[in-house]
Amino acid sequence: MSGSSEANSNSHTEFKSAPVLITSPQCLSFDYRLTGSGKNNSELRVLLSEVAIDRQTVVWQFTKLQTNWVTAYMELNPKLNPVVKVWFQARYAGDLQSTVSIDNIAVSPGGCPFTRESY
């Protein structure tokens, strides 16, 4: 993964994976939390980038405060362009104590244990 950020009250960070070949269902999972004041405008988004056609699609988004760690699951299925990059985009706005955290990112073979979302 690679990333960049700016240190101000409306900062963003972006992490991109290496290309991933999706030939059968796979499970993307990660832990996340968003902290800050009650006026927090933080956001965490997950995008899939289809490498062959350079197109990005938002497949997951979260904008509410979540002080406890939560695990998200998304099932990735092969499509017309099975080579994708997974992008995590975080924006933290409002106060300088706001955080957007992600951890334990994994892509595992097979379907996800708990998901209604499939991409």
N, C-alpha and C. Protein backbone atom coordinates (compact mmCIF):
# COMPACT_ATOMS: atom_id res chain seq x y z
N MET A 1 0.85 -1.17 0.00
CA MET A 1 0.00 0.00 0.00
C MET A 1 0.89 1.23 0.00
N SER A 2 0.38 2.28 -0.62
CA SER A 2 1.09 3.55 -0.60
C SER A 2 0.12 4.61 -0.13
N GLY A 3 0.62 5.69 0.43
CA GLY A 3 -0.27 6.72 0.93
C GLY A 3 0.38 8.07 1.00
N SER A 4 -0.47 9.09 1.16
CA SER A 4 0.01 10.46 1.35
C SER A 4 -0.99 11.19 2.21
N SER A 5 -0.53 12.21 2.90
CA SER A 5 -1.45 12.99 3.73
C SER A 5 -0.93 14.42 3.86
N GLU A 6 -1.82 15.27 4.36
CA GLU A 6 -1.49 16.65 4.64
C GLU A 6 -1.86 16.91 6.09
N ALA A 7 -1.11 17.74 6.77
CA ALA A 7 -1.37 18.00 8.19
C ALA A 7 -2.11 19.31 8.35
N ASN A 8 -3.42 19.30 8.14
CA ASN A 8 -4.25 20.47 8.43
C ASN A 8 -5.62 19.98 8.85
N SER A 9 -6.56 20.90 9.05
CA SER A 9 -7.87 20.51 9.58
C SER A 9 -8.81 19.95 8.52
N ASN A 10 -8.38 19.83 7.29
CA ASN A 10 -9.18 19.20 6.24
C ASN A 10 -8.25 18.31 5.42
N SER A 11 -7.72 17.28 6.07
CA SER A 11 -6.68 16.45 5.48
C SER A 11 -7.26 15.19 4.87
N HIS A 12 -6.45 14.59 4.02
CA HIS A 12 -6.86 13.33 3.41
C HIS A 12 -5.65 12.43 3.26
N THR A 13 -5.93 11.14 3.20
CA THR A 13 -4.92 10.13 2.98
C THR A 13 -5.51 9.10 2.04
N GLU A 14 -4.66 8.55 1.20
CA GLU A 14 -5.13 7.55 0.24
C GLU A 14 -4.13 6.40 0.22
N PHE A 15 -4.63 5.19 0.32
CA PHE A 15 -3.82 3.99 0.24
C PHE A 15 -4.29 3.16 -0.94
N LYS A 16 -3.35 2.68 -1.76
CA LYS A 16 -3.70 1.87 -2.93
C LYS A 16 -2.96 0.54 -2.86
N SER A 17 -3.65 -0.53 -3.18
CA SER A 17 -3.02 -1.84 -3.19
C SER A 17 -2.31 -2.07 -4.51
N ALA A 18 -1.49 -3.07 -4.56
CA ALA A 18 -0.96 -3.57 -5.82
C ALA A 18 -2.14 -4.21 -6.57
N PRO A 19 -2.02 -4.43 -7.88
CA PRO A 19 -3.11 -5.08 -8.62
C PRO A 19 -3.44 -6.46 -8.03
N VAL A 20 -4.74 -6.75 -7.93
CA VAL A 20 -5.22 -8.02 -7.41
C VAL A 20 -6.04 -8.69 -8.50
N LEU A 21 -5.73 -9.96 -8.79
CA LEU A 21 -6.47 -10.71 -9.80
C LEU A 21 -7.62 -11.44 -9.10
N ILE A 22 -8.86 -11.11 -9.50
CA ILE A 22 -10.05 -11.72 -8.91
C ILE A 22 -10.61 -12.73 -9.93
N THR A 23 -10.32 -14.01 -9.75
CA THR A 23 -10.83 -15.04 -10.66
C THR A 23 -11.96 -15.85 -10.04
N SER A 24 -12.14 -15.72 -8.76
CA SER A 24 -13.23 -16.39 -8.03
C SER A 24 -13.56 -15.48 -6.84
N PRO A 25 -14.71 -15.69 -6.19
CA PRO A 25 -15.06 -14.81 -5.06
C PRO A 25 -13.96 -14.76 -4.01
N GLN A 26 -13.69 -13.54 -3.53
CA GLN A 26 -12.71 -13.31 -2.48
C GLN A 26 -13.30 -12.34 -1.48
N CYS A 27 -12.82 -12.40 -0.27
CA CYS A 27 -13.33 -11.55 0.80
C CYS A 27 -12.32 -10.48 1.18
N LEU A 28 -12.71 -9.23 1.04
CA LEU A 28 -11.93 -8.11 1.53
C LEU A 28 -12.43 -7.79 2.93
N SER A 29 -11.54 -7.77 3.90
CA SER A 29 -11.93 -7.41 5.26
C SER A 29 -10.92 -6.41 5.83
N PHE A 30 -11.40 -5.56 6.72
CA PHE A 30 -10.55 -4.59 7.38
C PHE A 30 -11.26 -4.07 8.62
N ASP A 31 -10.47 -3.61 9.58
CA ASP A 31 -11.00 -2.98 10.79
C ASP A 31 -10.90 -1.47 10.62
N TYR A 32 -11.87 -0.75 11.19
CA TYR A 32 -11.86 0.71 11.04
C TYR A 32 -12.49 1.37 12.26
N ARG A 33 -12.17 2.65 12.41
CA ARG A 33 -12.85 3.52 13.39
C ARG A 33 -12.61 4.97 13.00
N LEU A 34 -13.57 5.82 13.33
CA LEU A 34 -13.49 7.26 13.08
C LEU A 34 -13.74 7.96 14.41
N THR A 35 -12.81 8.79 14.86
CA THR A 35 -12.97 9.47 16.14
C THR A 35 -12.86 10.97 15.94
N GLY A 36 -13.33 11.71 16.93
CA GLY A 36 -13.24 13.17 16.88
C GLY A 36 -14.35 13.79 17.68
N SER A 37 -14.59 15.06 17.45
CA SER A 37 -15.65 15.79 18.16
C SER A 37 -17.00 15.47 17.54
N GLY A 38 -18.04 15.94 18.17
CA GLY A 38 -19.40 15.72 17.66
C GLY A 38 -19.64 16.38 16.31
N LYS A 39 -18.81 17.33 15.92
CA LYS A 39 -18.98 18.02 14.64
C LYS A 39 -18.04 17.43 13.58
N ASN A 40 -17.62 16.20 13.80
CA ASN A 40 -16.68 15.53 12.92
C ASN A 40 -17.29 15.33 11.54
N ASN A 41 -16.56 15.69 10.52
CA ASN A 41 -16.97 15.46 9.14
C ASN A 41 -16.05 14.45 8.48
N SER A 42 -15.55 13.50 9.22
CA SER A 42 -14.62 12.51 8.69
C SER A 42 -15.34 11.51 7.81
N GLU A 43 -14.56 10.91 6.92
CA GLU A 43 -15.15 9.96 5.97
C GLU A 43 -14.09 8.92 5.61
N LEU A 44 -14.53 7.68 5.49
CA LEU A 44 -13.68 6.60 5.00
C LEU A 44 -14.39 5.96 3.83
N ARG A 45 -13.68 5.84 2.70
CA ARG A 45 -14.26 5.23 1.50
C ARG A 45 -13.34 4.13 0.98
N VAL A 46 -13.97 3.12 0.39
CA VAL A 46 -13.23 2.06 -0.30
C VAL A 46 -13.65 2.11 -1.76
N LEU A 47 -12.67 2.14 -2.63
CA LEU A 47 -12.92 2.15 -4.07
C LEU A 47 -12.25 0.94 -4.70
N LEU A 48 -12.85 0.44 -5.77
CA LEU A 48 -12.20 -0.54 -6.62
C LEU A 48 -11.80 0.16 -7.89
N SER A 49 -10.57 -0.02 -8.28
CA SER A 49 -10.06 0.57 -9.51
C SER A 49 -9.82 -0.56 -10.51
N GLU A 50 -10.57 -0.53 -11.62
CA GLU A 50 -10.38 -1.53 -12.66
C GLU A 50 -9.16 -1.12 -13.47
N VAL A 51 -8.10 -1.89 -13.37
CA VAL A 51 -6.81 -1.52 -13.93
C VAL A 51 -6.86 -1.36 -15.45
N ALA A 52 -7.53 -2.26 -16.15
CA ALA A 52 -7.52 -2.26 -17.61
C ALA A 52 -8.16 -1.01 -18.20
N ILE A 53 -9.15 -0.44 -17.52
CA ILE A 53 -9.86 0.71 -18.08
C ILE A 53 -9.73 1.97 -17.24
N ASP A 54 -8.89 1.92 -16.20
CA ASP A 54 -8.63 3.07 -15.35
C ASP A 54 -9.92 3.73 -14.87
N ARG A 55 -10.81 2.91 -14.28
CA ARG A 55 -12.07 3.41 -13.73
C ARG A 55 -12.16 3.05 -12.25
N GLN A 56 -12.53 4.02 -11.42
CA GLN A 56 -12.69 3.80 -9.99
C GLN A 56 -14.16 3.87 -9.61
N THR A 57 -14.57 2.96 -8.74
CA THR A 57 -15.95 2.91 -8.27
C THR A 57 -15.96 2.85 -6.75
N VAL A 58 -16.72 3.74 -6.11
CA VAL A 58 -16.87 3.70 -4.65
C VAL A 58 -17.76 2.49 -4.32
N VAL A 59 -17.24 1.57 -3.51
CA VAL A 59 -18.00 0.37 -3.15
C VAL A 59 -18.40 0.34 -1.68
N TRP A 60 -17.86 1.26 -0.88
CA TRP A 60 -18.17 1.31 0.54
C TRP A 60 -17.82 2.69 1.05
N GLN A 61 -18.65 3.21 1.99
CA GLN A 61 -18.42 4.55 2.53
C GLN A 61 -18.98 4.60 3.94
N PHE A 62 -18.26 5.30 4.84
CA PHE A 62 -18.72 5.46 6.22
C PHE A 62 -18.38 6.86 6.67
N THR A 63 -19.37 7.56 7.26
CA THR A 63 -19.16 8.96 7.63
C THR A 63 -19.52 9.29 9.07
N LYS A 64 -19.93 8.33 9.87
CA LYS A 64 -20.33 8.61 11.25
C LYS A 64 -19.18 8.32 12.20
N LEU A 65 -19.23 8.95 13.37
CA LEU A 65 -18.24 8.64 14.39
C LEU A 65 -18.39 7.18 14.81
N GLN A 66 -17.29 6.50 14.96
CA GLN A 66 -17.27 5.10 15.39
C GLN A 66 -16.04 4.94 16.25
N THR A 67 -16.21 5.08 17.58
CA THR A 67 -15.05 5.09 18.46
C THR A 67 -14.50 3.70 18.74
N ASN A 68 -15.31 2.67 18.61
CA ASN A 68 -14.84 1.30 18.78
C ASN A 68 -14.42 0.74 17.43
N TRP A 69 -13.47 -0.17 17.43
CA TRP A 69 -13.05 -0.83 16.20
C TRP A 69 -14.17 -1.74 15.69
N VAL A 70 -14.43 -1.68 14.39
CA VAL A 70 -15.45 -2.50 13.75
C VAL A 70 -14.80 -3.16 12.53
N THR A 71 -15.20 -4.40 12.24
CA THR A 71 -14.69 -5.09 11.06
C THR A 71 -15.70 -5.00 9.93
N ALA A 72 -15.22 -4.60 8.76
CA ALA A 72 -16.06 -4.55 7.56
C ALA A 72 -15.66 -5.70 6.64
N TYR A 73 -16.66 -6.26 5.95
CA TYR A 73 -16.43 -7.35 4.99
C TYR A 73 -17.09 -6.97 3.67
N MET A 74 -16.37 -7.21 2.57
CA MET A 74 -16.94 -7.00 1.23
C MET A 74 -16.51 -8.15 0.35
N GLU A 75 -17.46 -8.77 -0.30
CA GLU A 75 -17.12 -9.87 -1.20
C GLU A 75 -16.77 -9.30 -2.58
N LEU A 76 -15.62 -9.70 -3.09
CA LEU A 76 -15.16 -9.28 -4.41
C LEU A 76 -15.40 -10.44 -5.38
N ASN A 77 -16.10 -10.17 -6.48
CA ASN A 77 -16.40 -11.18 -7.47
C ASN A 77 -15.78 -10.81 -8.80
N PRO A 78 -15.37 -11.81 -9.59
CA PRO A 78 -14.79 -11.50 -10.91
C PRO A 78 -15.84 -10.86 -11.82
N LYS A 79 -15.37 -9.89 -12.59
CA LYS A 79 -16.24 -9.21 -13.55
C LYS A 79 -15.54 -9.16 -14.89
N LEU A 80 -15.97 -8.30 -15.78
CA LEU A 80 -15.34 -8.19 -17.09
C LEU A 80 -13.86 -7.83 -16.98
N ASN A 81 -13.50 -7.01 -15.99
CA ASN A 81 -12.11 -6.61 -15.77
C ASN A 81 -11.67 -7.14 -14.41
N PRO A 82 -11.16 -8.37 -14.36
CA PRO A 82 -10.90 -8.99 -13.06
C PRO A 82 -9.66 -8.50 -12.32
N VAL A 83 -8.85 -7.63 -12.93
CA VAL A 83 -7.68 -7.10 -12.24
C VAL A 83 -8.05 -5.75 -11.64
N VAL A 84 -8.00 -5.65 -10.32
CA VAL A 84 -8.40 -4.43 -9.63
C VAL A 84 -7.33 -4.00 -8.63
N LYS A 85 -7.38 -2.73 -8.26
CA LYS A 85 -6.64 -2.21 -7.12
C LYS A 85 -7.69 -1.80 -6.09
N VAL A 86 -7.39 -2.04 -4.84
CA VAL A 86 -8.27 -1.61 -3.76
C VAL A 86 -7.72 -0.30 -3.21
N TRP A 87 -8.55 0.75 -3.17
CA TRP A 87 -8.15 2.05 -2.67
C TRP A 87 -8.91 2.33 -1.37
N PHE A 88 -8.19 2.81 -0.38
CA PHE A 88 -8.80 3.34 0.84
C PHE A 88 -8.55 4.84 0.84
N GLN A 89 -9.62 5.62 0.95
CA GLN A 89 -9.50 7.08 1.02
C GLN A 89 -10.09 7.54 2.34
N ALA A 90 -9.30 8.30 3.08
CA ALA A 90 -9.76 8.84 4.36
C ALA A 90 -9.69 10.35 4.30
N ARG A 91 -10.74 10.99 4.79
CA ARG A 91 -10.76 12.44 4.92
C ARG A 91 -11.16 12.74 6.35
N TYR A 92 -10.36 13.54 7.03
CA TYR A 92 -10.68 13.91 8.41
C TYR A 92 -10.72 15.42 8.48
N ALA A 93 -11.88 15.91 8.87
CA ALA A 93 -12.12 17.36 8.86
C ALA A 93 -12.73 17.77 10.20
N GLY A 94 -12.73 19.03 10.44
CA GLY A 94 -13.31 19.55 11.67
C GLY A 94 -12.21 19.96 12.63
N ASP A 95 -11.95 19.13 13.62
CA ASP A 95 -10.92 19.47 14.59
C ASP A 95 -9.65 18.66 14.32
N LEU A 96 -8.56 19.11 14.88
CA LEU A 96 -7.28 18.44 14.65
C LEU A 96 -7.15 17.15 15.44
N GLN A 97 -8.13 16.83 16.29
CA GLN A 97 -8.09 15.59 17.05
C GLN A 97 -8.86 14.47 16.36
N SER A 98 -9.41 14.73 15.19
CA SER A 98 -10.14 13.72 14.45
C SER A 98 -9.17 12.69 13.88
N THR A 99 -9.59 11.44 13.90
CA THR A 99 -8.78 10.37 13.30
C THR A 99 -9.65 9.45 12.47
N VAL A 100 -9.07 8.92 11.43
CA VAL A 100 -9.66 7.84 10.65
C VAL A 100 -8.62 6.73 10.66
N SER A 101 -8.99 5.58 11.20
CA SER A 101 -8.02 4.50 11.36
C SER A 101 -8.49 3.25 10.65
N ILE A 102 -7.54 2.56 9.98
CA ILE A 102 -7.83 1.25 9.40
C ILE A 102 -6.70 0.31 9.78
N ASP A 103 -7.03 -0.97 9.89
CA ASP A 103 -6.03 -1.96 10.31
C ASP A 103 -6.48 -3.33 9.80
N ASN A 104 -5.57 -4.27 9.81
CA ASN A 104 -5.85 -5.68 9.49
C ASN A 104 -6.53 -5.86 8.13
N ILE A 105 -6.01 -5.20 7.11
CA ILE A 105 -6.56 -5.32 5.77
C ILE A 105 -6.16 -6.68 5.20
N ALA A 106 -7.15 -7.42 4.68
CA ALA A 106 -6.86 -8.75 4.12
C ALA A 106 -7.79 -9.06 2.96
N VAL A 107 -7.28 -9.79 1.98
CA VAL A 107 -8.09 -10.36 0.91
C VAL A 107 -7.90 -11.87 1.01
N SER A 108 -9.01 -12.58 1.25
CA SER A 108 -8.98 -14.02 1.48
C SER A 108 -9.82 -14.74 0.44
N PRO A 109 -9.41 -15.95 0.04
CA PRO A 109 -10.21 -16.70 -0.94
C PRO A 109 -11.56 -17.10 -0.37
N GLY A 110 -12.56 -17.17 -1.24
CA GLY A 110 -13.91 -17.58 -0.83
C GLY A 110 -14.75 -16.40 -0.42
N GLY A 111 -16.00 -16.67 -0.14
CA GLY A 111 -16.94 -15.63 0.26
C GLY A 111 -16.67 -15.14 1.67
N CYS A 112 -17.29 -14.03 2.01
CA CYS A 112 -17.15 -13.44 3.34
C CYS A 112 -18.12 -14.09 4.32
N PRO A 113 -17.74 -14.14 5.59
CA PRO A 113 -18.63 -14.73 6.60
C PRO A 113 -19.86 -13.89 6.89
N PHE A 114 -19.73 -12.57 6.84
CA PHE A 114 -20.83 -11.67 7.17
C PHE A 114 -20.88 -10.53 6.18
N THR A 115 -21.64 -10.67 5.10
CA THR A 115 -21.74 -9.57 4.16
C THR A 115 -23.02 -9.65 3.36
N ARG A 116 -23.52 -8.50 3.00
CA ARG A 116 -24.64 -8.41 2.06
C ARG A 116 -24.17 -7.70 0.79
N GLU A 117 -22.94 -7.21 0.84
CA GLU A 117 -22.40 -6.44 -0.28
C GLU A 117 -21.49 -7.31 -1.12
N SER A 118 -21.65 -7.24 -2.43
CA SER A 118 -20.82 -7.99 -3.35
C SER A 118 -20.44 -7.10 -4.51
N TYR A 119 -19.16 -7.08 -4.88
CA TYR A 119 -18.68 -6.19 -5.93
C TYR A 119 -17.84 -6.95 -6.93
